[in-house]
Structures are given as C-alpha cells and as structure tokens.
Amino acid sequence: MQEPLTSFTEDVTATKRVIDSLDGPCVLVGHSHGGAIITEAGNDEHVKSLVYIAAHALDAGETEVSNGKRYPDTTPHGDIVKTADDYLYLNPADYARDFAADLPVAQAEFEAHEQMPTAASVFASEIPDPAWKIKPTFYLVAKADKIINPDLERMYAKRAHAKTVEIDGASHSAYESHPKDVAALIEQAAQQQGR
C-alpha cells in the first residue's frame, strides 16, 4: 500500500482502511516513516505483530525530527529539497548515495525520479499510544543506513524488545537490496501468530 504522505493522520487513515478490509489477523510492516504509521495503526485488534524495516518506532512524545537530532543521520542536509508548499524529497542527484547505495545504479536512478514528495509535517507528528508496547515486534537494522542512524534503529529495536536482525552493508533501501532477509523476518512475525 502506498500511503498518501500528505499528513500523518491521512497516512494512518489509509492504513486503517486496508486493515478494515481484511477478514482476519494481519502483520503490519513499515519502512522509514512507515514505521511511525504502523506504530499508531498497529493498535487495531486485527494487527497481531509489527515489523520495522529500517523504520521509526516512536514512543509517546517523540517525533522523527526530535529523534533525528538525538541520533543524527549522515545525509547532508543540502540533499533534501523543500518545495514551496512544504513537501520534502531527496535531490535526485544524491538519491543513490543517500538512500540506495546497495542497489543497482539504474534502479536507484529510476527511483530517484519517481519518489513521492512527503509533507514536512509528518516528520513532526507524535504517536499517542505506541502499539509496539503491547504487540510482538520485529526489527531489521540497516547497518549502512544514511537516512536513519543505525544506532537510532538499534535503540528503537531494543526498547521494543524486538526480535532483531542486523544486515551488514544494507542501505535505507534494505527492503529491496535484501528481500530474502526482509521476507524471513515477516514470516517469523506471521508464524508466531500461527498464521
């Protein structure tokens, strides 16, 4: 599912719409900002476990911006472009280096030009009731991530008592560059629930 990226509330609403369309239990998987979305949407009774792939697992009172200041990433700030209406995206010339260093060049270049701008406001949104406090949690740390500091990813995983996998050389695009590791972690989350 592609969230709208227009506001945090609309992202969570879109996720809940999908959950509501399901007949049985499900596992929510989030990457990057998607982690914040599943942290909120995961409170739904149909959600049995959460899987974070190089993602934000915020606690109450935290934001992606505030945690990024505590654990700075290594992306040069000049690589982030802000539009006149307060949407953000990565400069396509820097995308491969910052977001997808372990993907084939042609794939990274394509993605650089098809990325969806994200409302800047989503990065300052707070989670009132984090689902990882009550749901089984799994986390993949991308050890070469330049978008989210790997130490921040480790902090998220540790405090959520997540079953954690760390991948050497994995960029922020770990879900694409290491699909077997990602699939295995999702399968673990699903099997724990007997599904």
C-alpha atoms as a PDB file:
ATOM      1  CA  MET A   1       0.000   0.000   0.000  1.00  0.00           C
ATOM      2  CA  GLN A   2       1.260   3.488  -0.812  1.00  0.00           C
ATOM      3  CA  GLU A   3       0.316   5.957   1.879  1.00  0.00           C
ATOM      4  CA  PRO A   4      -0.641   9.476   0.668  1.00  0.00           C
ATOM      5  CA  LEU A   5       2.249  11.226   2.509  1.00  0.00           C
ATOM      6  CA  THR A   6       0.087  14.331   2.810  1.00  0.00           C
ATOM      7  CA  SER A   7      -0.266  14.235   6.616  1.00  0.00           C
ATOM      8  CA  PHE A   8       0.373  11.742   9.382  1.00  0.00           C
ATOM      9  CA  THR A   9      -3.361  11.454  10.101  1.00  0.00           C
ATOM     10  CA  GLU A  10      -4.127  10.696   6.449  1.00  0.00           C
ATOM     11  CA  ASP A  11      -1.316   8.113   6.324  1.00  0.00           C
ATOM     12  CA  VAL A  12      -2.728   6.303   9.369  1.00  0.00           C
ATOM     13  CA  THR A  13      -6.283   6.545   7.994  1.00  0.00           C
ATOM     14  CA  ALA A  14      -5.194   4.964   4.700  1.00  0.00           C
ATOM     15  CA  THR A  15      -3.524   2.118   6.593  1.00  0.00           C
ATOM     16  CA  LYS A  16      -6.581   1.533   8.761  1.00  0.00           C
ATOM     17  CA  ARG A  17      -8.719   1.426   5.613  1.00  0.00           C
ATOM     18  CA  VAL A  18      -6.679  -1.563   4.425  1.00  0.00           C
ATOM     19  CA  ILE A  19      -6.803  -3.253   7.845  1.00  0.00           C
ATOM     20  CA  ASP A  20     -10.595  -2.816   7.908  1.00  0.00           C
ATOM     21  CA  SER A  21     -10.870  -4.578   4.550  1.00  0.00           C
ATOM     22  CA  LEU A  22      -9.318  -7.783   5.952  1.00  0.00           C
ATOM     23  CA  ASP A  23     -11.306 -10.652   7.434  1.00  0.00           C
ATOM     24  CA  GLY A  24      -8.670 -11.940   9.831  1.00  0.00           C
ATOM     25  CA  PRO A  25      -5.465 -11.085  11.660  1.00  0.00           C
ATOM     26  CA  CYS A  26      -2.572  -9.334   9.970  1.00  0.00           C
ATOM     27  CA  VAL A  27       1.054  -8.322  10.371  1.00  0.00           C
ATOM     28  CA  LEU A  28       1.922  -4.668   9.715  1.00  0.00           C
ATOM     29  CA  VAL A  29       5.258  -3.902   8.066  1.00  0.00           C
ATOM     30  CA  GLY A  30       6.688  -0.388   7.913  1.00  0.00           C
ATOM     31  CA  HIS A  31       9.780   1.138   6.350  1.00  0.00           C
ATOM     32  CA  SER A  32      11.210   4.542   7.292  1.00  0.00           C
ATOM     33  CA  HIS A  33       8.272   6.906   8.044  1.00  0.00           C
ATOM     34  CA  GLY A  34       6.037   3.856   7.567  1.00  0.00           C
ATOM     35  CA  GLY A  35       7.279   2.694  10.959  1.00  0.00           C
ATOM     36  CA  ALA A  36       5.598   5.666  12.622  1.00  0.00           C
ATOM     37  CA  ILE A  37       2.410   4.827  10.737  1.00  0.00           C
ATOM     38  CA  ILE A  38       2.321   1.189  11.902  1.00  0.00           C
ATOM     39  CA  THR A  39       3.199   2.296  15.440  1.00  0.00           C
ATOM     40  CA  GLU A  40      -0.134   4.124  15.543  1.00  0.00           C
ATOM     41  CA  ALA A  41      -2.265   1.942  13.238  1.00  0.00           C
ATOM     42  CA  GLY A  42      -0.954  -1.207  14.938  1.00  0.00           C
ATOM     43  CA  ASN A  43      -3.282  -0.674  17.882  1.00  0.00           C
ATOM     44  CA  ASP A  44      -6.092  -2.172  15.799  1.00  0.00           C
ATOM     45  CA  GLU A  45      -7.231  -5.543  17.217  1.00  0.00           C
ATOM     46  CA  HIS A  46      -6.633  -7.270  13.854  1.00  0.00           C
ATOM     47  CA  VAL A  47      -2.913  -6.446  13.995  1.00  0.00           C
ATOM     48  CA  LYS A  48      -1.044  -9.283  15.672  1.00  0.00           C
ATOM     49  CA  SER A  49       2.565  -8.150  15.219  1.00  0.00           C
ATOM     50  CA  LEU A  50       4.696  -5.327  13.847  1.00  0.00           C
ATOM     51  CA  VAL A  51       7.737  -5.482  11.574  1.00  0.00           C
ATOM     52  CA  TYR A  52      10.030  -2.462  11.242  1.00  0.00           C
ATOM     53  CA  ILE A  53      12.426  -2.344   8.288  1.00  0.00           C
ATOM     54  CA  ALA A  54      14.911   0.483   8.955  1.00  0.00           C
ATOM     55  CA  ALA A  55      11.964   2.413  10.363  1.00  0.00           C
ATOM     56  CA  HIS A  56      10.885   4.815  13.069  1.00  0.00           C
ATOM     57  CA  ALA A  57       9.287   3.180  16.121  1.00  0.00           C
ATOM     58  CA  LEU A  58       8.363   6.302  18.069  1.00  0.00           C
ATOM     59  CA  ASP A  59       7.370   6.499  21.698  1.00  0.00           C
ATOM     60  CA  ALA A  60       4.768   8.933  23.029  1.00  0.00           C
ATOM     61  CA  GLY A  61       6.106  12.491  22.898  1.00  0.00           C
ATOM     62  CA  GLU A  62       8.774  11.726  20.289  1.00  0.00           C
ATOM     63  CA  THR A  63       8.906  12.783  16.665  1.00  0.00           C
ATOM     64  CA  GLU A  64      11.073  11.663  13.779  1.00  0.00           C
ATOM     65  CA  VAL A  65      12.677  15.127  13.857  1.00  0.00           C
ATOM     66  CA  SER A  66      13.459  15.037  17.587  1.00  0.00           C
ATOM     67  CA  ASN A  67      14.928  11.536  17.418  1.00  0.00           C
ATOM     68  CA  GLY A  68      16.943  12.510  14.361  1.00  0.00           C
ATOM     69  CA  LYS A  69      18.548  15.257  16.427  1.00  0.00           C
ATOM     70  CA  ARG A  70      19.408  12.772  19.184  1.00  0.00           C
ATOM     71  CA  TYR A  71      20.868  10.330  16.648  1.00  0.00           C
ATOM     72  CA  PRO A  72      21.845  12.377  13.576  1.00  0.00           C
ATOM     73  CA  ASP A  73      21.826  10.722  10.179  1.00  0.00           C
ATOM     74  CA  THR A  74      24.697  11.131   7.731  1.00  0.00           C
ATOM     75  CA  THR A  75      22.694  12.569   4.830  1.00  0.00           C
ATOM     76  CA  PRO A  76      23.931  16.095   4.005  1.00  0.00           C
ATOM     77  CA  HIS A  77      21.057  18.489   4.667  1.00  0.00           C
ATOM     78  CA  GLY A  78      21.601  20.117   1.281  1.00  0.00           C
ATOM     79  CA  ASP A  79      20.475  16.838  -0.298  1.00  0.00           C
ATOM     80  CA  ILE A  80      16.914  17.372   0.942  1.00  0.00           C
ATOM     81  CA  VAL A  81      14.791  19.623  -1.263  1.00  0.00           C
ATOM     82  CA  LYS A  82      11.831  21.549   0.190  1.00  0.00           C
ATOM     83  CA  THR A  83       9.029  22.699  -2.086  1.00  0.00           C
ATOM     84  CA  ALA A  84       7.182  25.995  -1.769  1.00  0.00           C
ATOM     85  CA  ASP A  85       4.234  24.167  -0.148  1.00  0.00           C
ATOM     86  CA  ASP A  86       6.384  22.387   2.490  1.00  0.00           C
ATOM     87  CA  TYR A  87       6.905  18.978   0.933  1.00  0.00           C
ATOM     88  CA  LEU A  88      10.290  17.238   1.041  1.00  0.00           C
ATOM     89  CA  TYR A  89      12.172  14.921  -1.285  1.00  0.00           C
ATOM     90  CA  LEU A  90      15.775  13.879  -1.869  1.00  0.00           C
ATOM     91  CA  ASN A  91      17.699  15.634  -4.604  1.00  0.00           C
ATOM     92  CA  PRO A  92      17.707  13.016  -7.398  1.00  0.00           C
ATOM     93  CA  ALA A  93      21.430  13.565  -7.945  1.00  0.00           C
ATOM     94  CA  ASP A  94      22.110  12.433  -4.366  1.00  0.00           C
ATOM     95  CA  TYR A  95      19.455   9.729  -4.047  1.00  0.00           C
ATOM     96  CA  ALA A  96      21.617   6.720  -4.897  1.00  0.00           C
ATOM     97  CA  ARG A  97      24.349   7.681  -2.441  1.00  0.00           C
ATOM     98  CA  ASP A  98      21.999   8.647   0.400  1.00  0.00           C
ATOM     99  CA  PHE A  99      19.079   6.234   0.077  1.00  0.00           C
ATOM    100  CA  ALA A 100      20.040   3.313  -2.144  1.00  0.00           C
ATOM    101  CA  ALA A 101      23.804   2.791  -2.197  1.00  0.00           C
ATOM    102  CA  ASP A 102      23.453  -1.002  -2.387  1.00  0.00           C
ATOM    103  CA  LEU A 103      21.002  -1.067  -5.318  1.00  0.00           C
ATOM    104  CA  PRO A 104      21.975  -1.337  -8.986  1.00  0.00           C
ATOM    105  CA  VAL A 105      22.676   2.144 -10.366  1.00  0.00           C
ATOM    106  CA  ALA A 106      19.879   2.021 -12.950  1.00  0.00           C
ATOM    107  CA  GLN A 107      17.319   1.046 -10.315  1.00  0.00           C
ATOM    108  CA  ALA A 108      18.454   3.781  -7.915  1.00  0.00           C
ATOM    109  CA  GLU A 109      18.366   6.378 -10.703  1.00  0.00           C
ATOM    110  CA  PHE A 110      14.829   5.351 -11.671  1.00  0.00           C
ATOM    111  CA  GLU A 111      13.662   5.571  -8.062  1.00  0.00           C
ATOM    112  CA  ALA A 112      15.320   8.960  -7.643  1.00  0.00           C
ATOM    113  CA  HIS A 113      12.988  10.378 -10.282  1.00  0.00           C
ATOM    114  CA  GLU A 114       9.799   8.607  -9.202  1.00  0.00           C
ATOM    115  CA  GLN A 115       9.956   9.335  -5.466  1.00  0.00           C
ATOM    116  CA  MET A 116       6.855  10.891  -3.902  1.00  0.00           C
ATOM    117  CA  PRO A 117       7.350  14.159  -2.013  1.00  0.00           C
ATOM    118  CA  THR A 118       6.341  13.911   1.645  1.00  0.00           C
ATOM    119  CA  ALA A 119       4.637  16.632   3.683  1.00  0.00           C
ATOM    120  CA  ALA A 120       7.253  18.030   6.064  1.00  0.00           C
ATOM    121  CA  SER A 121       4.646  17.978   8.847  1.00  0.00           C
ATOM    122  CA  VAL A 122       4.637  14.159   9.034  1.00  0.00           C
ATOM    123  CA  PHE A 123       8.140  14.181  10.493  1.00  0.00           C
ATOM    124  CA  ALA A 124       6.964  16.293  13.446  1.00  0.00           C
ATOM    125  CA  SER A 125       3.929  14.140  14.314  1.00  0.00           C
ATOM    126  CA  GLU A 126       3.638  12.426  17.693  1.00  0.00           C
ATOM    127  CA  ILE A 127       2.254   8.974  18.490  1.00  0.00           C
ATOM    128  CA  PRO A 128      -0.176   9.000  21.423  1.00  0.00           C
ATOM    129  CA  ASP A 129      -0.191   5.244  22.107  1.00  0.00           C
ATOM    130  CA  PRO A 130       2.654   3.198  20.537  1.00  0.00           C
ATOM    131  CA  ALA A 131       1.499  -0.280  19.509  1.00  0.00           C
ATOM    132  CA  TRP A 132       4.956  -1.819  19.949  1.00  0.00           C
ATOM    133  CA  LYS A 133       4.414  -1.614  23.709  1.00  0.00           C
ATOM    134  CA  ILE A 134       1.747  -4.314  23.514  1.00  0.00           C
ATOM    135  CA  LYS A 135       2.352  -6.176  20.224  1.00  0.00           C
ATOM    136  CA  PRO A 136       5.150  -8.617  19.302  1.00  0.00           C
ATOM    137  CA  THR A 137       7.735  -6.627  17.385  1.00  0.00           C
ATOM    138  CA  PHE A 138      10.433  -7.456  14.835  1.00  0.00           C
ATOM    139  CA  TYR A 139      13.127  -5.091  13.572  1.00  0.00           C
ATOM    140  CA  LEU A 140      15.634  -5.055  10.729  1.00  0.00           C
ATOM    141  CA  VAL A 141      18.591  -2.712  11.287  1.00  0.00           C
ATOM    142  CA  ALA A 142      20.248  -1.497   8.086  1.00  0.00           C
ATOM    143  CA  LYS A 143      23.855  -1.130   9.208  1.00  0.00           C
ATOM    144  CA  ALA A 144      24.858   1.247   6.377  1.00  0.00           C
ATOM    145  CA  ASP A 145      21.720   3.410   6.556  1.00  0.00           C
ATOM    146  CA  LYS A 146      22.380   7.114   5.908  1.00  0.00           C
ATOM    147  CA  ILE A 147      18.754   8.240   6.276  1.00  0.00           C
ATOM    148  CA  ILE A 148      18.100   6.851   9.782  1.00  0.00           C
ATOM    149  CA  ASN A 149      21.123   6.428  12.013  1.00  0.00           C
ATOM    150  CA  PRO A 150      21.637   2.681  12.641  1.00  0.00           C
ATOM    151  CA  ASP A 151      22.135   3.471  16.342  1.00  0.00           C
ATOM    152  CA  LEU A 152      18.662   5.021  16.408  1.00  0.00           C
ATOM    153  CA  GLU A 153      17.315   1.882  14.739  1.00  0.00           C
ATOM    154  CA  ARG A 154      19.036  -0.214  17.424  1.00  0.00           C
ATOM    155  CA  MET A 155      17.543   1.954  20.166  1.00  0.00           C
ATOM    156  CA  TYR A 156      14.064   1.502  18.694  1.00  0.00           C
ATOM    157  CA  ALA A 157      14.530  -2.259  18.473  1.00  0.00           C
ATOM    158  CA  LYS A 158      15.962  -2.641  21.968  1.00  0.00           C
ATOM    159  CA  ARG A 159      13.283  -0.740  23.818  1.00  0.00           C
ATOM    160  CA  ALA A 160      10.521  -2.511  21.861  1.00  0.00           C
ATOM    161  CA  HIS A 161      12.097  -5.861  22.869  1.00  0.00           C
ATOM    162  CA  ALA A 162      12.059  -6.668  19.163  1.00  0.00           C
ATOM    163  CA  LYS A 163      13.398  -9.803  17.548  1.00  0.00           C
ATOM    164  CA  THR A 164      16.225  -8.022  15.719  1.00  0.00           C
ATOM    165  CA  VAL A 165      18.264  -8.748  12.612  1.00  0.00           C
ATOM    166  CA  GLU A 166      21.180  -6.539  11.541  1.00  0.00           C
ATOM    167  CA  ILE A 167      22.289  -6.540   7.904  1.00  0.00           C
ATOM    168  CA  ASP A 168      25.870  -5.562   7.020  1.00  0.00           C
ATOM    169  CA  GLY A 169      26.133  -3.092   4.156  1.00  0.00           C
ATOM    170  CA  ALA A 170      22.376  -2.536   3.952  1.00  0.00           C
ATOM    171  CA  SER A 171      21.311   0.952   2.909  1.00  0.00           C
ATOM    172  CA  HIS A 172      17.980   2.572   3.727  1.00  0.00           C
ATOM    173  CA  SER A 173      16.665   0.547   0.774  1.00  0.00           C
ATOM    174  CA  ALA A 174      17.248  -2.718   2.656  1.00  0.00           C
ATOM    175  CA  TYR A 175      13.735  -3.904   1.787  1.00  0.00           C
ATOM    176  CA  GLU A 176      14.859  -4.026  -1.863  1.00  0.00           C
ATOM    177  CA  SER A 177      18.523  -4.934  -1.551  1.00  0.00           C
ATOM    178  CA  HIS A 178      17.944  -7.741   0.983  1.00  0.00           C
ATOM    179  CA  PRO A 179      14.468  -9.081   0.143  1.00  0.00           C
ATOM    180  CA  LYS A 180      15.121 -12.593   1.488  1.00  0.00           C
ATOM    181  CA  ASP A 181      16.125 -11.256   4.917  1.00  0.00           C
ATOM    182  CA  VAL A 182      13.075  -8.990   4.978  1.00  0.00           C
ATOM    183  CA  ALA A 183      10.735 -11.800   3.907  1.00  0.00           C
ATOM    184  CA  ALA A 184      12.197 -14.132   6.543  1.00  0.00           C
ATOM    185  CA  LEU A 185      11.573 -11.589   9.285  1.00  0.00           C
ATOM    186  CA  ILE A 186       7.982 -11.038   8.121  1.00  0.00           C
ATOM    187  CA  GLU A 187       7.451 -14.819   8.027  1.00  0.00           C
ATOM    188  CA  GLN A 188       8.720 -15.083  11.608  1.00  0.00           C
ATOM    189  CA  ALA A 189       6.230 -12.428  12.670  1.00  0.00           C
ATOM    190  CA  ALA A 190       3.395 -14.243  10.921  1.00  0.00           C
ATOM    191  CA  GLN A 191       4.366 -17.710  12.175  1.00  0.00           C
ATOM    192  CA  GLN A 192       4.485 -16.510  15.755  1.00  0.00           C
ATOM    193  CA  GLN A 193       0.778 -15.856  15.425  1.00  0.00           C
ATOM    194  CA  GLY A 194       0.112 -19.273  13.928  1.00  0.00           C
ATOM    195  CA  ARG A 195      -0.786 -17.805  10.558  1.00  0.00           C
END
